[in-house]
N, C-alpha and C. Protein backbone atom coordinates (compact mmCIF):
# COMPACT_ATOMS: atom_id res chain seq x y z
N UNK A 1 0.67 -1.24 -0.03
CA UNK A 1 -0.07 -0.06 0.01
C UNK A 1 0.79 1.34 -0.10
N UNK A 2 1.94 1.17 0.60
CA UNK A 2 2.90 2.30 0.64
C UNK A 2 3.32 2.71 -0.83
N UNK A 3 3.62 1.59 -1.63
CA UNK A 3 4.07 2.08 -3.02
C UNK A 3 2.82 2.54 -3.82
N UNK A 4 1.89 2.00 -3.67
CA UNK A 4 0.42 2.56 -4.30
C UNK A 4 0.33 4.11 -3.93
N UNK A 5 0.40 4.57 -2.65
CA UNK A 5 0.13 5.77 -2.11
C UNK A 5 1.34 6.70 -2.71
N UNK A 6 2.54 6.30 -2.81
CA UNK A 6 3.71 7.04 -3.13
C UNK A 6 3.67 7.21 -4.72
N UNK A 7 3.23 6.18 -5.45
CA UNK A 7 3.10 6.41 -6.99
C UNK A 7 1.82 7.31 -7.27
N UNK A 8 0.73 7.18 -6.41
CA UNK A 8 -0.48 8.19 -6.58
C UNK A 8 -0.02 9.58 -6.42
N UNK A 9 0.73 9.74 -5.41
CA UNK A 9 1.42 11.21 -5.00
C UNK A 9 2.07 11.70 -6.19
N UNK A 10 2.93 11.05 -6.64
CA UNK A 10 3.75 11.48 -7.92
C UNK A 10 2.87 11.86 -8.93
N UNK A 11 1.95 11.02 -9.34
CA UNK A 11 1.09 11.20 -10.46
C UNK A 11 0.07 12.42 -10.22
N UNK A 12 -0.34 12.43 -8.99
CA UNK A 12 -1.37 13.61 -8.59
C UNK A 12 -0.75 14.97 -8.76
N UNK A 13 0.62 15.16 -8.56
CA UNK A 13 1.24 16.43 -8.82
C UNK A 13 2.21 16.50 -9.90
N UNK A 14 2.02 15.58 -10.94
CA UNK A 14 2.90 15.52 -12.03
C UNK A 14 2.22 16.68 -13.09
N UNK A 15 3.06 17.60 -13.52
CA UNK A 15 2.53 18.56 -14.52
C UNK A 15 3.19 18.20 -15.68
N UNK A 16 2.67 17.91 -16.88
CA UNK A 16 3.26 17.77 -18.15
C UNK A 16 3.91 18.99 -18.57
N UNK A 17 5.09 18.72 -19.24
CA UNK A 17 5.99 19.69 -19.73
C UNK A 17 6.50 20.67 -18.77
N UNK A 18 6.38 20.35 -17.37
CA UNK A 18 6.88 21.04 -16.17
C UNK A 18 7.82 20.12 -15.44
N UNK A 19 7.08 19.00 -14.92
CA UNK A 19 7.68 18.09 -14.02
C UNK A 19 8.68 17.04 -14.89
N UNK A 20 9.78 16.55 -14.41
CA UNK A 20 10.62 15.62 -15.02
C UNK A 20 9.99 14.50 -15.08
N UNK A 21 9.71 13.82 -16.29
CA UNK A 21 9.12 12.44 -16.58
C UNK A 21 9.88 11.41 -15.86
N UNK A 22 11.17 11.68 -15.58
CA UNK A 22 11.94 10.55 -14.74
C UNK A 22 11.45 10.41 -13.38
N UNK A 23 10.78 11.28 -12.89
CA UNK A 23 10.12 11.04 -11.52
C UNK A 23 9.40 9.99 -11.37
N UNK A 24 8.37 9.68 -12.57
CA UNK A 24 7.68 8.56 -12.54
C UNK A 24 8.49 7.28 -13.08
N UNK A 25 9.29 7.41 -14.02
CA UNK A 25 9.99 6.40 -14.65
C UNK A 25 10.93 5.66 -13.63
N UNK A 26 11.46 6.30 -12.82
CA UNK A 26 12.50 6.03 -11.79
C UNK A 26 11.68 4.99 -10.57
N UNK A 27 10.50 5.52 -10.26
CA UNK A 27 9.86 4.80 -9.39
C UNK A 27 9.20 3.48 -9.71
N UNK A 28 8.89 3.27 -11.07
CA UNK A 28 8.40 2.01 -11.61
C UNK A 28 9.12 0.78 -11.16
N UNK A 29 10.36 0.76 -11.50
CA UNK A 29 10.92 -0.63 -10.95
C UNK A 29 10.83 -0.93 -9.60
N UNK A 30 10.84 0.13 -8.73
CA UNK A 30 10.71 -0.06 -7.26
C UNK A 30 9.37 -0.69 -6.89
N UNK A 31 8.16 -0.21 -7.44
CA UNK A 31 6.99 -0.45 -7.05
C UNK A 31 6.13 -1.32 -8.01
N UNK A 32 6.65 -1.68 -9.12
CA UNK A 32 5.76 -2.55 -10.09
C UNK A 32 5.25 -3.85 -9.53
N UNK A 33 5.82 -4.59 -8.72
CA UNK A 33 5.39 -5.74 -8.20
C UNK A 33 4.30 -5.57 -7.15
N UNK A 34 4.09 -4.35 -6.51
CA UNK A 34 3.34 -4.07 -5.39
C UNK A 34 2.05 -3.21 -5.66
N UNK A 35 1.86 -2.52 -6.90
CA UNK A 35 0.84 -1.76 -7.08
C UNK A 35 -0.26 -2.58 -7.76
N UNK A 36 -1.47 -2.64 -7.06
CA UNK A 36 -2.62 -3.31 -7.52
C UNK A 36 -3.73 -2.30 -7.97
N UNK A 37 -3.69 -1.17 -7.18
CA UNK A 37 -4.57 -0.18 -7.39
C UNK A 37 -4.25 1.25 -7.46
N UNK A 38 -4.57 1.92 -8.20
CA UNK A 38 -4.14 3.37 -8.27
C UNK A 38 -5.42 4.25 -8.14
N UNK A 39 -5.61 5.21 -7.19
CA UNK A 39 -6.70 6.24 -7.18
C UNK A 39 -6.09 7.55 -7.39
N UNK A 40 -6.24 8.16 -8.35
CA UNK A 40 -5.64 9.42 -8.84
C UNK A 40 -6.85 10.48 -8.82
N UNK A 41 -7.13 11.13 -7.73
CA UNK A 41 -8.22 12.06 -7.77
C UNK A 41 -8.03 13.37 -8.39
N UNK A 42 -6.78 13.65 -8.89
CA UNK A 42 -6.42 14.84 -9.47
C UNK A 42 -5.30 14.60 -10.60
N UNK A 43 -5.74 14.79 -11.89
CA UNK A 43 -4.79 14.56 -12.92
C UNK A 43 -4.49 15.90 -13.71
N UNK A 44 -3.41 16.55 -13.28
CA UNK A 44 -3.10 17.89 -13.67
C UNK A 44 -2.83 18.05 -15.26
N UNK A 45 -3.52 19.03 -15.70
CA UNK A 45 -3.04 19.41 -17.28
C UNK A 45 -1.66 20.18 -17.20
N UNK A 46 -1.15 20.46 -18.30
CA UNK A 46 -0.01 21.34 -18.47
C UNK A 46 -0.28 22.77 -17.94
N UNK A 47 0.62 23.38 -17.61
CA UNK A 47 0.40 24.83 -17.10
C UNK A 47 0.35 25.63 -18.57
N UNK A 48 -0.66 26.41 -18.53
CA UNK A 48 -0.85 27.25 -19.68
C UNK A 48 -0.33 28.73 -19.39
N UNK A 49 0.56 29.16 -20.37
CA UNK A 49 1.12 30.33 -20.25
C UNK A 49 0.13 31.51 -20.36
N UNK A 50 0.46 32.63 -19.79
CA UNK A 50 -0.51 33.87 -19.90
C UNK A 50 -0.51 34.09 -21.38
N UNK A 51 -1.86 34.49 -21.92
CA UNK A 51 -2.08 34.66 -23.19
C UNK A 51 -1.35 35.72 -23.80
N UNK A 52 -1.19 36.85 -23.01
CA UNK A 52 -0.53 38.10 -23.60
C UNK A 52 1.10 37.65 -23.70
N UNK A 53 1.53 36.97 -22.70
CA UNK A 53 2.91 36.63 -22.74
C UNK A 53 3.25 35.78 -24.01
N UNK A 54 2.20 34.88 -24.25
CA UNK A 54 2.41 34.07 -25.39
C UNK A 54 2.49 34.71 -26.66
N UNK A 55 1.55 35.66 -26.86
CA UNK A 55 1.48 36.57 -28.07
C UNK A 55 2.88 37.26 -28.09
N UNK A 56 3.46 37.78 -27.10
CA UNK A 56 4.56 38.51 -27.25
C UNK A 56 5.88 37.55 -27.65
N UNK A 57 5.66 36.43 -27.22
CA UNK A 57 7.04 35.49 -27.54
C UNK A 57 6.84 34.79 -28.80
N UNK A 58 5.73 34.82 -29.57
CA UNK A 58 5.48 34.15 -30.77
C UNK A 58 6.12 35.21 -31.78
N UNK A 59 6.78 34.60 -32.62
CA UNK A 59 7.50 35.47 -33.68
C UNK A 59 6.40 35.67 -34.80
N UNK A 60 6.71 36.77 -35.65
CA UNK A 60 5.74 37.19 -36.54
C UNK A 60 5.62 36.15 -37.74
N UNK A 61 6.66 35.26 -37.95
CA UNK A 61 6.64 34.22 -39.11
C UNK A 61 6.03 33.05 -38.60
N UNK A 62 5.94 32.82 -37.05
CA UNK A 62 5.67 31.59 -36.62
C UNK A 62 4.10 31.42 -36.68
N UNK A 63 3.67 30.22 -36.75
CA UNK A 63 2.27 29.93 -36.78
C UNK A 63 1.82 29.36 -35.44
N UNK A 64 0.72 29.94 -34.97
CA UNK A 64 0.20 29.59 -33.66
C UNK A 64 -1.01 28.68 -33.82
N UNK A 65 -1.08 27.98 -34.82
CA UNK A 65 -2.14 27.13 -35.11
C UNK A 65 -1.97 25.65 -34.21
N UNK A 66 -2.86 25.39 -33.41
CA UNK A 66 -2.80 24.15 -32.57
C UNK A 66 -2.05 24.38 -31.34
N UNK A 67 -1.55 25.46 -31.01
CA UNK A 67 -0.57 25.75 -29.89
C UNK A 67 -1.46 25.29 -28.62
N UNK A 68 -2.70 25.79 -28.49
CA UNK A 68 -3.43 25.41 -27.35
C UNK A 68 -3.63 23.80 -27.21
N UNK A 69 -3.87 23.13 -28.34
CA UNK A 69 -4.09 21.70 -28.38
C UNK A 69 -2.81 21.02 -28.09
N UNK A 70 -1.68 21.36 -28.39
CA UNK A 70 -0.63 20.87 -28.06
C UNK A 70 -0.19 20.87 -26.61
N UNK A 71 -0.56 21.98 -26.15
CA UNK A 71 -0.16 22.41 -24.63
C UNK A 71 -1.01 21.71 -23.68
N UNK A 72 -2.46 21.26 -23.97
CA UNK A 72 -3.09 20.77 -23.05
C UNK A 72 -3.34 19.29 -22.75
N UNK A 73 -2.40 18.47 -23.26
CA UNK A 73 -2.53 17.01 -22.99
C UNK A 73 -2.05 16.69 -21.70
N UNK A 74 -2.70 15.79 -21.00
CA UNK A 74 -2.22 15.09 -19.61
C UNK A 74 -1.05 14.14 -19.81
N UNK A 75 -0.58 13.70 -18.78
CA UNK A 75 0.40 12.78 -18.88
C UNK A 75 0.03 11.32 -19.46
N UNK A 76 0.81 10.82 -20.34
CA UNK A 76 0.51 9.60 -20.87
C UNK A 76 0.77 8.59 -20.15
N UNK A 77 -0.23 7.70 -19.71
CA UNK A 77 -0.23 6.50 -18.66
C UNK A 77 0.39 5.10 -19.44
N UNK A 78 0.59 5.35 -20.58
CA UNK A 78 1.10 4.13 -21.39
C UNK A 78 2.18 3.31 -20.88
N UNK A 79 3.22 3.84 -20.59
CA UNK A 79 4.46 3.31 -20.04
C UNK A 79 4.20 2.80 -18.62
N UNK A 80 3.52 3.49 -18.04
CA UNK A 80 3.20 3.28 -16.49
C UNK A 80 2.33 1.80 -16.45
N UNK A 81 1.20 1.93 -17.28
CA UNK A 81 0.47 0.66 -17.29
C UNK A 81 1.05 -0.50 -17.72
N UNK A 82 1.83 -0.33 -18.73
CA UNK A 82 2.54 -1.64 -19.39
C UNK A 82 3.42 -2.07 -18.33
N UNK A 83 4.06 -1.33 -17.49
CA UNK A 83 5.15 -1.75 -16.52
C UNK A 83 4.43 -2.57 -15.36
N UNK A 84 3.32 -1.93 -14.97
CA UNK A 84 2.71 -2.33 -13.66
C UNK A 84 1.89 -3.76 -13.94
N UNK A 85 2.67 -4.75 -13.66
CA UNK A 85 2.23 -6.09 -14.13
C UNK A 85 1.17 -6.64 -13.20
N UNK A 86 0.70 -6.05 -11.90
CA UNK A 86 -0.22 -6.65 -11.08
C UNK A 86 -1.38 -5.52 -10.99
N UNK A 87 -1.44 -4.50 -11.86
CA UNK A 87 -2.46 -3.47 -11.55
C UNK A 87 -3.83 -3.95 -12.13
N UNK A 88 -4.87 -3.82 -11.06
CA UNK A 88 -6.09 -4.36 -11.14
C UNK A 88 -7.22 -3.36 -11.43
N UNK A 89 -6.88 -2.20 -10.83
CA UNK A 89 -7.91 -1.09 -10.65
C UNK A 89 -7.21 0.23 -10.86
N UNK A 90 -7.87 0.90 -11.83
CA UNK A 90 -7.27 2.34 -12.11
C UNK A 90 -8.53 3.43 -11.90
N UNK A 91 -8.46 4.37 -11.12
CA UNK A 91 -9.41 5.41 -10.98
C UNK A 91 -8.81 6.78 -11.24
N UNK A 92 -9.16 7.40 -12.24
CA UNK A 92 -8.68 8.56 -12.55
C UNK A 92 -9.68 9.76 -12.57
N UNK A 93 -9.19 11.00 -12.20
CA UNK A 93 -10.00 12.07 -12.51
C UNK A 93 -9.20 13.22 -13.06
N UNK A 94 -9.68 13.63 -14.45
CA UNK A 94 -9.00 14.51 -15.06
C UNK A 94 -9.43 15.89 -14.58
N UNK A 95 -8.79 16.50 -13.69
CA UNK A 95 -9.19 17.68 -13.09
C UNK A 95 -8.20 18.23 -12.12
N UNK A 96 -8.43 19.36 -11.41
CA UNK A 96 -7.76 19.84 -10.32
C UNK A 96 -8.52 19.89 -9.09
N UNK A 97 -8.08 19.61 -8.09
CA UNK A 97 -8.72 19.74 -6.72
C UNK A 97 -8.36 21.09 -6.17
N UNK A 98 -9.06 21.53 -5.52
CA UNK A 98 -9.00 22.71 -4.58
C UNK A 98 -8.39 23.96 -5.44
N UNK A 99 -8.81 24.12 -6.57
CA UNK A 99 -8.19 25.35 -7.52
C UNK A 99 -8.70 26.60 -6.92
N UNK A 100 -9.66 26.64 -6.21
CA UNK A 100 -10.17 27.98 -5.63
C UNK A 100 -10.50 29.20 -6.58
N UNK A 101 -9.85 30.24 -6.36
CA UNK A 101 -10.15 31.35 -7.32
C UNK A 101 -9.42 31.35 -8.59
N UNK A 102 -8.48 30.18 -8.84
CA UNK A 102 -7.95 30.16 -10.13
C UNK A 102 -8.82 29.04 -11.03
N UNK A 103 -9.97 28.94 -10.57
CA UNK A 103 -10.89 28.11 -11.31
C UNK A 103 -11.01 28.33 -12.88
N UNK A 104 -10.66 27.42 -13.81
CA UNK A 104 -10.94 27.60 -15.14
C UNK A 104 -11.56 26.38 -15.78
N UNK A 105 -12.40 26.28 -16.78
CA UNK A 105 -13.00 25.04 -17.23
C UNK A 105 -11.90 24.51 -17.92
N UNK A 106 -10.81 24.82 -18.43
CA UNK A 106 -9.70 24.20 -19.04
C UNK A 106 -8.99 23.45 -18.17
N UNK A 107 -9.09 23.53 -16.95
CA UNK A 107 -8.51 22.68 -16.09
C UNK A 107 -9.10 21.37 -16.00
N UNK A 108 -10.30 21.17 -16.64
CA UNK A 108 -10.98 20.01 -16.57
C UNK A 108 -11.11 19.26 -18.04
N UNK A 109 -10.35 19.83 -18.94
CA UNK A 109 -10.54 19.43 -20.16
C UNK A 109 -9.92 18.12 -20.36
N UNK A 110 -10.60 17.20 -21.17
CA UNK A 110 -10.31 15.94 -21.66
C UNK A 110 -10.13 15.96 -23.13
N UNK A 111 -8.88 16.05 -23.64
CA UNK A 111 -8.80 16.20 -25.12
C UNK A 111 -8.79 14.80 -25.84
N UNK A 112 -9.02 14.93 -27.29
CA UNK A 112 -8.89 13.85 -27.99
C UNK A 112 -7.67 12.98 -27.76
N UNK A 113 -6.42 13.69 -27.70
CA UNK A 113 -5.33 12.94 -27.47
C UNK A 113 -5.25 12.22 -26.18
N UNK A 114 -5.75 12.87 -25.00
CA UNK A 114 -6.02 12.30 -23.82
C UNK A 114 -6.59 10.97 -23.76
N UNK A 115 -7.85 10.87 -24.85
CA UNK A 115 -8.63 10.01 -24.99
C UNK A 115 -7.81 8.69 -25.63
N UNK A 116 -7.09 9.06 -26.68
CA UNK A 116 -6.18 8.17 -27.38
C UNK A 116 -5.19 7.54 -26.46
N UNK A 117 -4.62 8.39 -25.69
CA UNK A 117 -3.46 7.90 -24.71
C UNK A 117 -4.06 6.89 -23.71
N UNK A 118 -5.28 7.35 -23.23
CA UNK A 118 -5.77 6.48 -22.01
C UNK A 118 -6.33 5.07 -22.64
N UNK A 119 -6.81 5.08 -23.98
CA UNK A 119 -7.19 3.93 -24.67
C UNK A 119 -5.89 2.90 -24.89
N UNK A 120 -5.04 3.68 -25.34
CA UNK A 120 -3.59 2.82 -25.41
C UNK A 120 -2.97 2.17 -24.15
N UNK A 121 -3.13 3.17 -22.99
CA UNK A 121 -2.74 2.69 -21.63
C UNK A 121 -3.60 1.47 -21.19
N UNK A 122 -4.83 1.43 -21.60
CA UNK A 122 -5.76 0.30 -21.18
C UNK A 122 -5.41 -1.00 -21.95
N UNK A 123 -4.88 -0.72 -23.23
CA UNK A 123 -4.57 -1.92 -24.22
C UNK A 123 -3.26 -2.67 -23.68
N UNK A 124 -2.33 -1.84 -23.04
CA UNK A 124 -1.03 -2.17 -22.58
C UNK A 124 -1.13 -2.98 -21.24
N UNK A 125 -2.15 -2.70 -20.54
CA UNK A 125 -2.43 -3.20 -19.20
C UNK A 125 -3.52 -4.60 -19.34
N UNK A 126 -2.97 -5.78 -19.06
CA UNK A 126 -3.96 -6.74 -19.46
C UNK A 126 -4.45 -7.28 -18.17
N UNK A 127 -4.04 -6.82 -17.01
CA UNK A 127 -4.49 -7.33 -15.61
C UNK A 127 -5.56 -6.45 -14.98
N UNK A 128 -6.13 -5.45 -15.73
CA UNK A 128 -7.18 -4.61 -15.20
C UNK A 128 -8.58 -5.57 -15.20
N UNK A 129 -9.24 -5.40 -14.00
CA UNK A 129 -10.67 -6.13 -13.92
C UNK A 129 -11.55 -5.57 -14.87
N UNK A 130 -12.59 -6.31 -15.02
CA UNK A 130 -13.90 -5.84 -15.99
C UNK A 130 -14.26 -4.44 -15.52
N UNK A 131 -13.97 -3.55 -16.28
CA UNK A 131 -14.18 -2.14 -16.05
C UNK A 131 -15.68 -1.65 -16.24
N UNK A 132 -16.56 -2.78 -16.62
CA UNK A 132 -17.89 -2.46 -16.99
C UNK A 132 -18.67 -1.83 -15.79
N UNK A 133 -18.53 -2.50 -14.69
CA UNK A 133 -19.23 -1.91 -13.49
C UNK A 133 -18.91 -0.67 -13.08
N UNK A 134 -17.53 -0.43 -13.01
CA UNK A 134 -16.84 0.89 -12.78
C UNK A 134 -17.38 2.19 -13.75
N UNK A 135 -17.42 1.58 -15.06
CA UNK A 135 -17.73 2.61 -16.13
C UNK A 135 -19.45 2.99 -15.76
N UNK A 136 -20.06 1.94 -15.49
CA UNK A 136 -21.55 2.15 -15.33
C UNK A 136 -21.61 3.07 -14.13
N UNK A 137 -20.81 2.87 -12.87
CA UNK A 137 -21.00 3.70 -11.73
C UNK A 137 -20.38 5.12 -12.08
N UNK A 138 -19.67 5.36 -12.97
CA UNK A 138 -19.10 6.70 -13.47
C UNK A 138 -20.26 7.22 -14.40
N UNK A 139 -20.94 6.34 -15.18
CA UNK A 139 -21.88 6.96 -16.11
C UNK A 139 -23.02 7.61 -15.20
N UNK A 140 -23.40 6.97 -14.20
CA UNK A 140 -24.47 7.41 -13.17
C UNK A 140 -24.35 8.73 -12.81
N UNK A 141 -23.06 9.25 -12.57
CA UNK A 141 -23.02 10.70 -12.30
C UNK A 141 -22.69 11.57 -13.53
N UNK A 142 -22.56 11.05 -14.62
CA UNK A 142 -22.20 11.82 -16.00
C UNK A 142 -23.46 11.90 -16.70
N UNK A 143 -23.95 13.07 -17.02
CA UNK A 143 -25.16 13.20 -17.84
C UNK A 143 -24.80 13.87 -19.27
N UNK A 144 -23.58 13.94 -19.43
CA UNK A 144 -23.10 14.73 -20.67
C UNK A 144 -22.64 13.84 -21.80
N UNK A 145 -22.08 12.81 -21.45
CA UNK A 145 -21.69 11.77 -22.47
C UNK A 145 -22.77 11.04 -23.33
N UNK A 146 -22.70 11.15 -24.56
CA UNK A 146 -23.92 10.65 -25.43
C UNK A 146 -23.41 9.62 -26.35
N UNK A 147 -22.20 9.49 -26.41
CA UNK A 147 -21.55 8.35 -27.38
C UNK A 147 -20.46 7.57 -26.58
N UNK A 148 -20.30 6.33 -26.79
CA UNK A 148 -19.22 5.56 -26.13
C UNK A 148 -19.06 4.15 -27.03
N UNK A 149 -17.99 4.01 -27.52
CA UNK A 149 -17.85 2.85 -28.37
C UNK A 149 -17.40 1.68 -27.64
N UNK A 150 -18.01 0.59 -27.37
CA UNK A 150 -17.68 -0.46 -26.54
C UNK A 150 -17.32 -1.70 -27.42
N UNK A 151 -17.20 -1.48 -28.72
CA UNK A 151 -17.03 -2.76 -29.44
C UNK A 151 -15.85 -3.43 -29.20
N UNK A 152 -14.49 -2.87 -28.84
CA UNK A 152 -13.45 -3.55 -28.66
C UNK A 152 -13.03 -3.62 -27.01
N UNK A 153 -14.13 -3.31 -26.22
CA UNK A 153 -13.85 -3.30 -24.81
C UNK A 153 -14.59 -4.87 -24.49
N UNK A 154 -13.60 -5.24 -23.49
CA UNK A 154 -14.07 -6.58 -22.84
C UNK A 154 -14.97 -6.21 -21.54
N UNK A 155 -16.21 -5.90 -21.89
CA UNK A 155 -17.25 -5.64 -20.90
C UNK A 155 -18.29 -6.58 -20.83
N UNK A 156 -18.65 -7.06 -19.56
CA UNK A 156 -19.79 -8.01 -19.63
C UNK A 156 -20.96 -7.56 -20.25
N UNK A 157 -21.79 -8.55 -20.60
CA UNK A 157 -23.02 -8.23 -21.37
C UNK A 157 -24.04 -7.52 -20.56
N UNK A 158 -24.14 -7.79 -19.34
CA UNK A 158 -25.13 -6.98 -18.55
C UNK A 158 -24.59 -5.53 -18.38
N UNK A 159 -23.41 -5.39 -18.17
CA UNK A 159 -22.83 -4.20 -18.02
C UNK A 159 -23.07 -3.19 -19.32
N UNK A 160 -22.61 -3.84 -20.34
CA UNK A 160 -22.78 -3.27 -21.71
C UNK A 160 -24.12 -2.71 -21.84
N UNK A 161 -25.17 -3.55 -21.61
CA UNK A 161 -26.57 -3.20 -21.71
C UNK A 161 -26.99 -2.05 -20.81
N UNK A 162 -26.57 -2.04 -19.60
CA UNK A 162 -26.75 -0.80 -18.71
C UNK A 162 -26.16 0.33 -19.15
N UNK A 163 -24.87 0.32 -19.55
CA UNK A 163 -24.17 1.52 -20.03
C UNK A 163 -25.03 2.01 -21.25
N UNK A 164 -25.31 1.29 -22.08
CA UNK A 164 -26.21 1.65 -23.35
C UNK A 164 -27.52 2.35 -22.76
N UNK A 165 -28.07 1.88 -21.89
CA UNK A 165 -29.14 2.42 -21.36
C UNK A 165 -28.89 3.83 -20.84
N UNK A 166 -27.90 3.98 -20.05
CA UNK A 166 -27.39 5.39 -19.52
C UNK A 166 -27.16 6.15 -20.67
N UNK A 167 -26.48 5.68 -21.73
CA UNK A 167 -26.27 6.58 -22.78
C UNK A 167 -27.38 7.16 -23.62
N UNK A 168 -28.34 6.28 -23.69
CA UNK A 168 -29.76 6.64 -24.19
C UNK A 168 -30.30 7.68 -23.46
N UNK A 169 -30.37 7.57 -22.00
CA UNK A 169 -31.05 8.70 -21.27
C UNK A 169 -30.19 10.03 -21.37
N UNK A 170 -28.80 9.99 -21.74
CA UNK A 170 -28.17 11.04 -21.69
C UNK A 170 -28.51 11.72 -23.22
N UNK A 171 -28.67 11.01 -24.06
CA UNK A 171 -29.10 11.37 -25.42
C UNK A 171 -30.37 12.05 -25.37
N UNK A 172 -31.32 11.47 -24.63
CA UNK A 172 -32.73 12.15 -24.48
C UNK A 172 -32.48 13.45 -23.81
N UNK A 173 -31.73 13.46 -22.66
CA UNK A 173 -31.59 14.82 -21.94
C UNK A 173 -31.00 15.95 -22.93
N UNK A 174 -29.96 15.38 -23.91
CA UNK A 174 -29.40 16.47 -24.84
C UNK A 174 -30.31 16.77 -25.74
N UNK A 175 -31.35 15.99 -26.14
CA UNK A 175 -32.21 16.27 -27.34
C UNK A 175 -33.22 17.22 -26.56
N UNK A 176 -33.74 17.18 -25.49
CA UNK A 176 -34.60 18.09 -24.67
C UNK A 176 -33.98 19.27 -24.46
N UNK A 177 -32.76 19.30 -24.08
CA UNK A 177 -32.11 20.65 -23.99
C UNK A 177 -32.10 21.30 -25.37
N UNK A 178 -31.86 20.61 -26.43
CA UNK A 178 -31.69 21.27 -27.54
C UNK A 178 -33.06 21.87 -28.17
N UNK A 179 -34.18 21.07 -27.75
CA UNK A 179 -35.41 21.73 -28.15
C UNK A 179 -35.96 22.77 -27.35
N UNK A 180 -35.44 22.80 -25.92
CA UNK A 180 -35.90 23.95 -25.31
C UNK A 180 -34.97 25.30 -25.51
N UNK A 181 -33.98 25.05 -26.29
CA UNK A 181 -33.00 26.26 -26.53
C UNK A 181 -33.40 26.91 -27.75
N UNK A 182 -34.43 26.15 -28.56
CA UNK A 182 -34.85 26.77 -29.81
C UNK A 182 -35.76 27.82 -29.70
N UNK A 183 -35.44 28.89 -30.44
CA UNK A 183 -36.31 30.09 -30.34
C UNK A 183 -37.96 29.66 -30.47
N UNK A 184 -38.75 30.43 -29.96
CA UNK A 184 -40.13 30.12 -29.86
C UNK A 184 -40.90 29.98 -31.29
N UNK A 185 -40.38 31.05 -32.18
CA UNK A 185 -40.97 30.94 -33.52
C UNK A 185 -40.82 29.64 -34.11
N UNK A 186 -39.75 28.74 -33.80
CA UNK A 186 -39.53 27.49 -34.51
C UNK A 186 -40.51 26.48 -33.85
N UNK A 187 -41.07 26.76 -32.67
CA UNK A 187 -41.75 25.53 -32.01
C UNK A 187 -43.27 25.81 -32.42
N UNK A 188 -43.76 26.93 -32.76
CA UNK A 188 -45.12 27.17 -33.01
C UNK A 188 -45.65 26.51 -34.12
N UNK A 189 -45.01 26.05 -35.27
CA UNK A 189 -45.39 25.05 -36.15
C UNK A 189 -46.22 25.89 -37.12
């Protein structure tokens, strides 16, 4: 349990593009035989530079296309999950705890690259338990996800059915929100 908490602590405070990745890589050989469960209740995004400072630093000839997208990816767990040969449970929260007055929605962004990295991390870890029940538990708190591809997931049939029911409920909520946001002259018929 010490190794689990130690690794969780390192990952909780790891800031991509700022923290040295060797902090994680050096601890893996020490703890890989003992870590069965990781609960990371905050997964920090990279530090975003002040917008005015970024504009001053950019050259006139340089392109700023995609700068925000490149900067905002979280730590890639692929190397970690591949090395942890006894990992059975992984709980992640992409966000920042206790941000207080520094709150910004971007602190809770989950990018497309994050999604791909997480999927690859899961593929590399063959010891994780059936995540269907955990996914279903997470879906009960989430009312915004409307699509989720389970074709390649190894999820039990009952869990898959219940997840699809939760997704259908979220789709209906999204549809109703869209209807209520339409101007009234569209709804009169």
